[in-house]
Amino acid sequence: MMFRLILLILMAATTFACTNAVSVPNGSATPGNAATPAAKKPAPTQPEREISKNVPADLEITISRGACYGTCPQFSMSIKADGSIEFNGEEFTETVGKASGTITPADVLRVFNKFEKIGFFELEDEYSGKNCPNQATDQSTTNISVTANGNTKKIRHYTGCVENDEKHTPYPPGLLDLENKIQDIAESKGWIK
């Protein structure tokens, strides 16, 4: 009986030591360095990209945001090369229904340059499900597209798609920020709360 008790204690101690081992920078993990946290993955960086000095004549940017488990604004909006904006508020927006407005050519160029800076045309077509590292279940889905110089790119982005780290940073880097910058235009017009 004593033998079984000692064997059970040794098995428990071995299991505890193995589950508490953490990777260390040199790649080894032992119970002796289990208290040392794993090396953090460096934050992804965006490569330097050439940005346009002029707005493409065929530029059209569209965005739509869907429902979440809360009061996320649900709307669609388009921005054209000439700065004209068409907005349609659906729910949890200050303006429900259609509205239109304009932004300056400089603002149109700034928005287009944000697409270029994150390499929008090189991103995946969808960020949800299997190409999303981690998901929060209560967020909205954003559909965003840009047409420029005869090319069109559309992305479906579940905004609860985040990196697997303790800060839950948006994934991919820059996309959520771009979407929010476009939403800021609608907010500046008073169409979204």
Foldseek 3Di string as FASTA:
>chain_A
DVVVVVVVVVVVVVVVLVVLWEQDPVGDTGSVCSVPHHDDDDADDFDDFDADPAAFQAKKKKKFKDAFQDLDWTWIKMAHQQFKMWIATPGQWQDHGIDIDGDHNVVVSVLRRLCRRRVVVPDDQEADDPNFQDFDRGFIWMWMWIAGPNDIGIHIYGQRRAHPDPVRHTPPPSPVVSVVVVVVVCVVVRGHD
